[in-house]
């Protein structure tokens, strides 16, 4: 058996080298892209907290389904935020210099601007409630401040 394989390799050396090189290149790119775009961890340099991460290109993603086997299928790219002033307040609320954002992922992930929120004075009270100098908010929607349950 060894002898016949040895003959095949030397007889078809170009094919063997070609396929070996192709497998090597595929494996190299697999490792490179899995490190570049793979699942983030808390130790990563781009970790912004609460599931938000910035990759090496400056793009910000939120990973919203940590229980899945493939986290690349569970990420949402934040397109409209100001990347330089972006700040994570908790897993639902984020802000930049212009707006406050609320992230929801009940059926489909969505990032919406909290209408009327003042980004400079906005603060999160808990997972449901937040406030600024003008209003109080529940799940990103304005409510009367008297309706806040502590």
C-alpha atoms as a PDB file:
ATOM      1  CA  UNK A   1       0.000   0.000   0.000  1.00  0.00           C
ATOM      2  CA  UNK A   2       2.716   2.465   0.977  1.00  0.00           C
ATOM      3  CA  UNK A   3       4.628   1.664  -2.158  1.00  0.00           C
ATOM      4  CA  UNK A   4       1.662   2.335  -4.468  1.00  0.00           C
ATOM      5  CA  UNK A   5       0.878   5.659  -2.752  1.00  0.00           C
ATOM      6  CA  UNK A   6       4.531   6.611  -3.039  1.00  0.00           C
ATOM      7  CA  UNK A   7       4.392   5.945  -6.788  1.00  0.00           C
ATOM      8  CA  UNK A   8       1.193   8.014  -7.138  1.00  0.00           C
ATOM      9  CA  UNK A   9       2.685  11.000  -5.317  1.00  0.00           C
ATOM     10  CA  UNK A  10       5.797  11.092  -7.456  1.00  0.00           C
ATOM     11  CA  UNK A  11       3.867  10.432 -10.632  1.00  0.00           C
ATOM     12  CA  UNK A  12       1.351  13.240  -9.933  1.00  0.00           C
ATOM     13  CA  UNK A  13       3.523  15.621  -7.931  1.00  0.00           C
ATOM     14  CA  UNK A  14       1.996  18.723  -9.512  1.00  0.00           C
ATOM     15  CA  UNK A  15      -1.538  17.676  -8.566  1.00  0.00           C
ATOM     16  CA  UNK A  16      -0.474  16.806  -5.024  1.00  0.00           C
ATOM     17  CA  UNK A  17       1.341  20.120  -4.564  1.00  0.00           C
ATOM     18  CA  UNK A  18      -1.555  22.067  -6.076  1.00  0.00           C
ATOM     19  CA  UNK A  19      -4.168  20.507  -3.767  1.00  0.00           C
ATOM     20  CA  UNK A  20      -1.870  20.752  -0.748  1.00  0.00           C
ATOM     21  CA  UNK A  21      -1.269  24.435  -1.458  1.00  0.00           C
ATOM     22  CA  UNK A  22      -5.002  25.035  -1.984  1.00  0.00           C
ATOM     23  CA  UNK A  23      -5.840  23.385   1.340  1.00  0.00           C
ATOM     24  CA  UNK A  24      -3.144  25.451   3.070  1.00  0.00           C
ATOM     25  CA  UNK A  25      -4.488  28.710   1.589  1.00  0.00           C
ATOM     26  CA  UNK A  26      -8.062  27.848   2.560  1.00  0.00           C
ATOM     27  CA  UNK A  27      -7.007  27.031   6.120  1.00  0.00           C
ATOM     28  CA  UNK A  28      -4.951  30.219   6.389  1.00  0.00           C
ATOM     29  CA  UNK A  29      -7.895  32.413   5.286  1.00  0.00           C
ATOM     30  CA  UNK A  30     -10.253  30.511   7.573  1.00  0.00           C
ATOM     31  CA  UNK A  31      -8.019  31.243  10.568  1.00  0.00           C
ATOM     32  CA  UNK A  32      -7.436  34.846   9.511  1.00  0.00           C
ATOM     33  CA  UNK A  33     -11.131  35.669   9.059  1.00  0.00           C
ATOM     34  CA  UNK A  34     -12.239  33.754  12.150  1.00  0.00           C
ATOM     35  CA  UNK A  35      -9.898  35.922  14.228  1.00  0.00           C
ATOM     36  CA  UNK A  36     -10.924  39.078  12.364  1.00  0.00           C
ATOM     37  CA  UNK A  37     -14.702  38.553  12.348  1.00  0.00           C
ATOM     38  CA  UNK A  38     -15.173  35.759  14.855  1.00  0.00           C
ATOM     39  CA  UNK A  39     -17.149  35.743  18.046  1.00  0.00           C
ATOM     40  CA  UNK A  40     -16.021  38.498  20.380  1.00  0.00           C
ATOM     41  CA  UNK A  41     -15.191  37.981  24.005  1.00  0.00           C
ATOM     42  CA  UNK A  42     -14.907  40.295  26.979  1.00  0.00           C
ATOM     43  CA  UNK A  43     -11.108  40.244  26.618  1.00  0.00           C
ATOM     44  CA  UNK A  44     -11.164  41.635  23.066  1.00  0.00           C
ATOM     45  CA  UNK A  45      -9.764  45.113  22.537  1.00  0.00           C
ATOM     46  CA  UNK A  46     -12.968  46.237  20.804  1.00  0.00           C
ATOM     47  CA  UNK A  47     -15.266  45.294  23.674  1.00  0.00           C
ATOM     48  CA  UNK A  48     -17.507  48.261  24.536  1.00  0.00           C
ATOM     49  CA  UNK A  49     -19.544  46.386  27.153  1.00  0.00           C
ATOM     50  CA  UNK A  50     -22.992  44.788  27.310  1.00  0.00           C
ATOM     51  CA  UNK A  51     -22.537  42.875  24.028  1.00  0.00           C
ATOM     52  CA  UNK A  52     -21.408  45.881  21.944  1.00  0.00           C
ATOM     53  CA  UNK A  53     -18.128  45.538  20.055  1.00  0.00           C
ATOM     54  CA  UNK A  54     -16.079  47.637  17.653  1.00  0.00           C
ATOM     55  CA  UNK A  55     -14.075  45.729  15.040  1.00  0.00           C
ATOM     56  CA  UNK A  56     -10.734  46.768  13.554  1.00  0.00           C
ATOM     57  CA  UNK A  57     -12.503  48.760  10.829  1.00  0.00           C
ATOM     58  CA  UNK A  58     -14.348  50.888  13.423  1.00  0.00           C
ATOM     59  CA  UNK A  59     -17.728  49.270  12.723  1.00  0.00           C
ATOM     60  CA  UNK A  60     -19.903  48.773  15.790  1.00  0.00           C
ATOM     61  CA  UNK A  61     -21.949  45.619  16.274  1.00  0.00           C
ATOM     62  CA  UNK A  62     -24.235  44.407  19.008  1.00  0.00           C
ATOM     63  CA  UNK A  63     -24.316  40.669  19.634  1.00  0.00           C
ATOM     64  CA  UNK A  64     -27.825  39.990  20.889  1.00  0.00           C
ATOM     65  CA  UNK A  65     -28.060  36.205  21.134  1.00  0.00           C
ATOM     66  CA  UNK A  66     -25.177  34.945  23.230  1.00  0.00           C
ATOM     67  CA  UNK A  67     -26.745  31.488  23.569  1.00  0.00           C
ATOM     68  CA  UNK A  68     -26.449  30.631  19.885  1.00  0.00           C
ATOM     69  CA  UNK A  69     -23.746  28.364  18.527  1.00  0.00           C
ATOM     70  CA  UNK A  70     -22.775  30.804  15.770  1.00  0.00           C
ATOM     71  CA  UNK A  71     -22.658  34.368  17.025  1.00  0.00           C
ATOM     72  CA  UNK A  72     -22.027  35.754  13.535  1.00  0.00           C
ATOM     73  CA  UNK A  73     -25.677  35.003  12.794  1.00  0.00           C
ATOM     74  CA  UNK A  74     -26.730  36.969  15.869  1.00  0.00           C
ATOM     75  CA  UNK A  75     -25.094  40.325  15.356  1.00  0.00           C
ATOM     76  CA  UNK A  76     -26.569  43.636  14.302  1.00  0.00           C
ATOM     77  CA  UNK A  77     -24.497  46.385  12.710  1.00  0.00           C
ATOM     78  CA  UNK A  78     -25.106  49.910  13.974  1.00  0.00           C
ATOM     79  CA  UNK A  79     -25.068  52.062  10.867  1.00  0.00           C
ATOM     80  CA  UNK A  80     -26.343  55.465  11.995  1.00  0.00           C
ATOM     81  CA  UNK A  81     -24.359  56.093  15.159  1.00  0.00           C
ATOM     82  CA  UNK A  82     -21.466  58.523  15.494  1.00  0.00           C
ATOM     83  CA  UNK A  83     -18.628  56.058  16.028  1.00  0.00           C
ATOM     84  CA  UNK A  84     -16.313  58.565  17.692  1.00  0.00           C
ATOM     85  CA  UNK A  85     -18.701  59.574  20.486  1.00  0.00           C
ATOM     86  CA  UNK A  86     -20.647  56.304  20.807  1.00  0.00           C
ATOM     87  CA  UNK A  87     -21.202  55.246  24.409  1.00  0.00           C
ATOM     88  CA  UNK A  88     -22.887  52.131  25.808  1.00  0.00           C
ATOM     89  CA  UNK A  89     -25.187  52.804  28.765  1.00  0.00           C
ATOM     90  CA  UNK A  90     -26.580  49.275  29.168  1.00  0.00           C
ATOM     91  CA  UNK A  91     -27.578  46.418  26.862  1.00  0.00           C
ATOM     92  CA  UNK A  92     -30.618  48.376  25.582  1.00  0.00           C
ATOM     93  CA  UNK A  93     -29.661  52.063  25.718  1.00  0.00           C
ATOM     94  CA  UNK A  94     -26.708  53.673  23.942  1.00  0.00           C
ATOM     95  CA  UNK A  95     -25.942  57.233  22.934  1.00  0.00           C
ATOM     96  CA  UNK A  96     -23.667  59.417  20.890  1.00  0.00           C
ATOM     97  CA  UNK A  97     -23.298  63.194  20.777  1.00  0.00           C
ATOM     98  CA  UNK A  98     -26.490  63.601  18.720  1.00  0.00           C
ATOM     99  CA  UNK A  99     -28.977  60.948  19.803  1.00  0.00           C
ATOM    100  CA  UNK A 100     -29.973  58.338  22.327  1.00  0.00           C
ATOM    101  CA  UNK A 101     -30.727  54.880  20.897  1.00  0.00           C
ATOM    102  CA  UNK A 102     -32.822  51.985  22.103  1.00  0.00           C
ATOM    103  CA  UNK A 103     -32.006  48.467  20.929  1.00  0.00           C
ATOM    104  CA  UNK A 104     -34.817  45.901  20.799  1.00  0.00           C
ATOM    105  CA  UNK A 105     -34.558  42.302  19.690  1.00  0.00           C
ATOM    106  CA  UNK A 106     -37.886  40.617  20.348  1.00  0.00           C
ATOM    107  CA  UNK A 107     -38.496  39.221  16.861  1.00  0.00           C
ATOM    108  CA  UNK A 108     -36.060  41.104  14.640  1.00  0.00           C
ATOM    109  CA  UNK A 109     -33.261  43.323  15.959  1.00  0.00           C
ATOM    110  CA  UNK A 110     -33.832  47.042  15.591  1.00  0.00           C
ATOM    111  CA  UNK A 111     -32.123  50.191  16.759  1.00  0.00           C
ATOM    112  CA  UNK A 112     -34.369  53.203  17.143  1.00  0.00           C
ATOM    113  CA  UNK A 113     -33.731  56.789  18.165  1.00  0.00           C
ATOM    114  CA  UNK A 114     -35.348  57.732  21.453  1.00  0.00           C
ATOM    115  CA  UNK A 115     -37.404  60.698  20.279  1.00  0.00           C
ATOM    116  CA  UNK A 116     -37.025  63.867  22.336  1.00  0.00           C
ATOM    117  CA  UNK A 117     -34.196  62.508  24.486  1.00  0.00           C
ATOM    118  CA  UNK A 118     -31.379  64.854  25.451  1.00  0.00           C
ATOM    119  CA  UNK A 119     -28.133  62.920  24.974  1.00  0.00           C
ATOM    120  CA  UNK A 120     -26.148  65.150  27.319  1.00  0.00           C
ATOM    121  CA  UNK A 121     -28.363  64.522  30.371  1.00  0.00           C
ATOM    122  CA  UNK A 122     -29.696  61.056  29.565  1.00  0.00           C
ATOM    123  CA  UNK A 123     -29.187  58.412  32.258  1.00  0.00           C
ATOM    124  CA  UNK A 124     -30.369  54.839  32.627  1.00  0.00           C
ATOM    125  CA  UNK A 125     -32.188  53.955  35.847  1.00  0.00           C
ATOM    126  CA  UNK A 126     -32.562  50.187  35.261  1.00  0.00           C
ATOM    127  CA  UNK A 127     -33.290  47.745  32.403  1.00  0.00           C
ATOM    128  CA  UNK A 128     -36.676  49.337  31.674  1.00  0.00           C
ATOM    129  CA  UNK A 129     -36.476  52.970  32.754  1.00  0.00           C
ATOM    130  CA  UNK A 130     -34.330  55.959  31.860  1.00  0.00           C
ATOM    131  CA  UNK A 131     -34.604  59.730  32.136  1.00  0.00           C
ATOM    132  CA  UNK A 132     -33.139  63.024  30.993  1.00  0.00           C
ATOM    133  CA  UNK A 133     -33.753  66.640  31.930  1.00  0.00           C
ATOM    134  CA  UNK A 134     -37.044  66.726  29.979  1.00  0.00           C
ATOM    135  CA  UNK A 135     -38.701  63.300  30.170  1.00  0.00           C
ATOM    136  CA  UNK A 136     -38.712  59.782  31.542  1.00  0.00           C
ATOM    137  CA  UNK A 137     -38.654  56.724  29.288  1.00  0.00           C
ATOM    138  CA  UNK A 138     -39.779  53.112  29.438  1.00  0.00           C
ATOM    139  CA  UNK A 139     -38.386  50.762  26.782  1.00  0.00           C
ATOM    140  CA  UNK A 140     -37.345  53.800  24.724  1.00  0.00           C
ATOM    141  CA  UNK A 141     -40.784  55.483  24.742  1.00  0.00           C
ATOM    142  CA  UNK A 142     -41.573  58.677  26.705  1.00  0.00           C
ATOM    143  CA  UNK A 143     -43.738  58.244  29.805  1.00  0.00           C
ATOM    144  CA  UNK A 144     -44.796  60.387  32.735  1.00  0.00           C
ATOM    145  CA  UNK A 145     -42.107  60.424  35.397  1.00  0.00           C
ATOM    146  CA  UNK A 146     -44.720  59.513  38.022  1.00  0.00           C
ATOM    147  CA  UNK A 147     -45.186  56.139  36.272  1.00  0.00           C
ATOM    148  CA  UNK A 148     -41.661  54.945  37.053  1.00  0.00           C
ATOM    149  CA  UNK A 149     -41.642  51.886  39.302  1.00  0.00           C
ATOM    150  CA  UNK A 150     -38.538  51.693  41.473  1.00  0.00           C
END
